[in-house]
Amino acid sequence: MCNFNKQNEDTKALIHILLKNCAESVGGTNFLLGLLEAIKEKKPNALIYNACKIESKELKITWNKIIFKDKFDVLEEIIHSHKSSENQNFNILENDSEKKKKKILNMVKTLAPIEFIVTPKDPQYGIGFTFKIFETIENDSIKINPIFIAIFFCSTEYMKKALKHQI
């Protein structure tokens, strides 16, 4: 998932298009990469930063709800267990015990309403974009949004490769 070279060509193309559209809506690739660096500077992770806002020189990202460490830990464990996966569309409920599924479903209920808003500080650079943590939430299938994973869990190198990819 966070190893761009391991993805198949269709997945690479999809990730490239998604991230390229995001970059274009905020003033370009360098602006988006600058925000990514600001996010990576927040330790242990930007998501549990209680201000619900991170700013770079040109952009800011805000979200509408504080993410507590217990929910973050469940999400992080899921993402890290699939980080080297070649499948971008993995179902986070697959192959888990009932106890673990209950924990995951509880985390999903809590985090599903959270929306991230990325906007340029100067409106002349674009209108920005929004995204949520989960791409799909159905009865027995929950998939994490690839934009969310790329921004908060993958390396800057991954983003650079995805943005430079030739279709």
Protein backbone atom coordinates (compact mmCIF):
# COMPACT_ATOMS: atom_id res chain seq x y z
CA MET A 1 0.00 0.00 0.00
CA CYS A 2 2.78 2.48 0.80
CA ASN A 3 5.29 0.95 -1.59
CA PHE A 4 4.49 2.59 -4.92
CA ASN A 5 6.79 0.27 -6.89
CA LYS A 6 4.84 -2.82 -5.74
CA GLN A 7 1.50 -1.53 -7.06
CA ASN A 8 0.12 -2.79 -10.36
CA GLU A 9 -0.16 -0.32 -13.24
CA ASP A 10 -3.89 0.30 -12.75
CA THR A 11 -3.41 1.12 -9.08
CA LYS A 12 -0.43 3.36 -9.87
CA ALA A 13 -2.51 5.23 -12.45
CA LEU A 14 -5.43 5.65 -10.03
CA ILE A 15 -3.23 6.93 -7.21
CA HIS A 16 -1.43 9.28 -9.62
CA ILE A 17 -4.70 10.76 -10.89
CA LEU A 18 -6.15 11.19 -7.40
CA LEU A 19 -3.05 12.88 -6.00
CA LYS A 20 -2.45 14.97 -9.13
CA ASN A 21 -6.03 16.31 -8.92
CA CYS A 22 -5.48 17.10 -5.25
CA ALA A 23 -2.21 18.91 -6.00
CA GLU A 24 -3.77 20.94 -8.83
CA SER A 25 -6.62 22.07 -6.57
CA VAL A 26 -4.21 23.62 -4.04
CA GLY A 27 -1.60 25.30 -6.21
CA GLY A 28 0.61 22.44 -7.35
CA THR A 29 2.79 19.54 -6.35
CA ASN A 30 5.29 21.57 -4.32
CA PHE A 31 2.53 23.08 -2.18
CA LEU A 32 1.11 19.62 -1.44
CA LEU A 33 4.56 18.21 -0.65
CA GLY A 34 5.19 21.18 1.67
CA LEU A 35 2.02 20.33 3.58
CA LEU A 36 3.11 16.72 3.76
CA GLU A 37 6.42 17.78 5.35
CA ALA A 38 4.52 19.86 7.93
CA ILE A 39 2.33 16.84 8.73
CA LYS A 40 5.37 14.56 9.11
CA GLU A 41 6.96 17.01 11.58
CA LYS A 42 4.13 16.49 14.10
CA LYS A 43 5.09 13.70 16.47
CA PRO A 44 3.99 11.02 17.27
CA ASN A 45 1.38 11.57 14.52
CA ALA A 46 -0.41 14.63 13.18
CA LEU A 47 -3.81 12.95 13.50
CA ILE A 48 -3.76 13.07 17.30
CA TYR A 49 -2.69 16.71 17.29
CA ASN A 50 -5.53 18.27 19.29
CA ALA A 51 -5.64 21.57 17.41
CA CYS A 52 -7.22 19.70 14.46
CA LYS A 53 -5.20 21.91 12.12
CA ILE A 54 -1.76 21.84 10.53
CA GLU A 55 -0.27 24.55 8.38
CA SER A 56 2.58 24.69 5.93
CA LYS A 57 3.86 27.86 4.28
CA GLU A 58 1.19 27.75 1.55
CA LEU A 59 -1.53 25.32 2.73
CA LYS A 60 -3.51 24.29 5.74
CA ILE A 61 -5.37 21.10 6.58
CA THR A 62 -8.16 21.10 9.14
CA TRP A 63 -10.48 18.42 10.44
CA ASN A 64 -13.69 18.61 12.38
CA LYS A 65 -13.10 16.28 15.33
CA ILE A 66 -10.29 15.36 17.72
CA ILE A 67 -8.95 11.84 17.16
CA PHE A 68 -8.14 10.18 20.46
CA LYS A 69 -5.14 7.91 20.85
CA ASP A 70 -7.13 4.70 21.44
CA LYS A 71 -8.97 5.05 18.10
CA PHE A 72 -5.79 6.15 16.37
CA ASP A 73 -3.96 3.06 17.67
CA VAL A 74 -6.57 0.73 16.16
CA LEU A 75 -6.39 2.56 12.81
CA GLU A 76 -2.60 2.63 12.84
CA GLU A 77 -2.40 -1.10 13.58
CA ILE A 78 -4.67 -1.86 10.60
CA ILE A 79 -2.70 0.37 8.25
CA HIS A 80 0.69 -0.95 9.40
CA SER A 81 -0.44 -4.54 9.01
CA HIS A 82 -1.32 -3.80 5.37
CA LYS A 83 1.42 -1.24 4.64
CA SER A 84 3.46 -3.51 2.39
CA SER A 85 0.33 -4.88 0.72
CA GLU A 86 0.05 -4.58 -3.02
CA ASN A 87 -3.72 -4.31 -2.75
CA GLN A 88 -4.88 -0.71 -2.34
CA ASN A 89 -8.52 -1.73 -1.79
CA PHE A 90 -8.22 -4.06 1.17
CA ASN A 91 -11.24 -4.63 3.40
CA ILE A 92 -10.21 -3.80 6.98
CA LEU A 93 -12.70 -6.33 8.38
CA GLU A 94 -11.17 -9.31 6.57
CA ASN A 95 -9.39 -12.07 8.47
CA ASP A 96 -10.01 -10.72 11.94
CA SER A 97 -11.45 -12.31 15.05
CA GLU A 98 -14.89 -11.23 16.28
CA LYS A 99 -13.30 -9.34 19.17
CA LYS A 100 -11.02 -7.44 16.81
CA LYS A 101 -13.89 -6.76 14.38
CA LYS A 102 -15.88 -5.19 17.21
CA LYS A 103 -12.94 -2.93 18.04
CA ILE A 104 -12.57 -1.97 14.37
CA LEU A 105 -16.30 -1.26 13.95
CA ASN A 106 -16.25 0.91 17.07
CA MET A 107 -13.29 2.87 15.67
CA VAL A 108 -15.05 3.24 12.28
CA LYS A 109 -18.22 4.60 13.92
CA THR A 110 -16.14 7.18 15.75
CA LEU A 111 -13.91 8.23 12.85
CA ALA A 112 -16.33 8.00 9.89
CA PRO A 113 -17.79 11.53 10.31
CA ILE A 114 -14.35 13.17 10.27
CA GLU A 115 -13.71 15.24 7.18
CA PHE A 116 -10.34 16.73 6.24
CA ILE A 117 -10.27 20.04 4.38
CA VAL A 118 -7.11 21.10 2.58
CA THR A 119 -7.06 24.71 1.39
CA PRO A 120 -4.47 27.16 0.11
CA LYS A 121 -3.83 30.13 2.39
CA ASP A 122 -4.13 32.33 -0.71
CA PRO A 123 -7.39 31.55 -2.57
CA GLN A 124 -5.82 32.43 -5.93
CA TYR A 125 -4.04 29.04 -5.89
CA GLY A 126 -7.21 27.00 -5.91
CA ILE A 127 -10.29 25.88 -4.05
CA GLY A 128 -8.68 22.99 -2.19
CA PHE A 129 -10.11 19.54 -1.63
CA THR A 130 -11.77 17.44 1.04
CA PHE A 131 -11.52 13.78 1.95
CA LYS A 132 -12.63 11.36 4.62
CA ILE A 133 -10.80 8.50 6.30
CA PHE A 134 -12.97 5.78 4.80
CA GLU A 135 -13.71 5.39 1.13
CA THR A 136 -16.55 2.89 1.56
CA ILE A 137 -18.45 1.69 4.59
CA GLU A 138 -20.82 -1.18 3.92
CA ASN A 139 -22.15 -4.01 6.09
CA ASP A 140 -19.17 -6.32 5.76
CA SER A 141 -16.71 -4.17 3.83
CA ILE A 142 -14.82 -1.10 4.97
CA LYS A 143 -12.08 0.43 2.82
CA ILE A 144 -9.71 3.20 3.78
CA ASN A 145 -9.39 6.19 1.45
CA PRO A 146 -6.07 6.04 -0.50
CA ILE A 147 -5.66 9.83 -0.24
CA PHE A 148 -5.88 9.61 3.56
CA ILE A 149 -3.31 6.81 3.67
CA ALA A 150 -0.94 8.64 1.31
CA ILE A 151 -1.10 11.92 3.23
CA PHE A 152 -0.87 10.61 6.79
CA PHE A 153 0.94 7.25 6.61
CA CYS A 154 3.07 6.96 3.47
CA SER A 155 6.45 8.57 2.97
CA THR A 156 7.16 11.76 1.07
CA GLU A 157 9.05 9.57 -1.40
CA TYR A 158 5.85 7.62 -2.08
CA MET A 159 3.99 10.87 -2.82
CA LYS A 160 6.74 12.08 -5.13
CA LYS A 161 6.69 8.82 -7.09
CA ALA A 162 2.91 8.86 -7.30
CA LEU A 163 2.80 12.46 -8.49
CA LYS A 164 5.58 11.94 -11.08
CA HIS A 165 4.19 8.64 -12.41
CA GLN A 166 3.65 8.56 -16.17
CA ILE A 167 0.43 6.94 -17.36
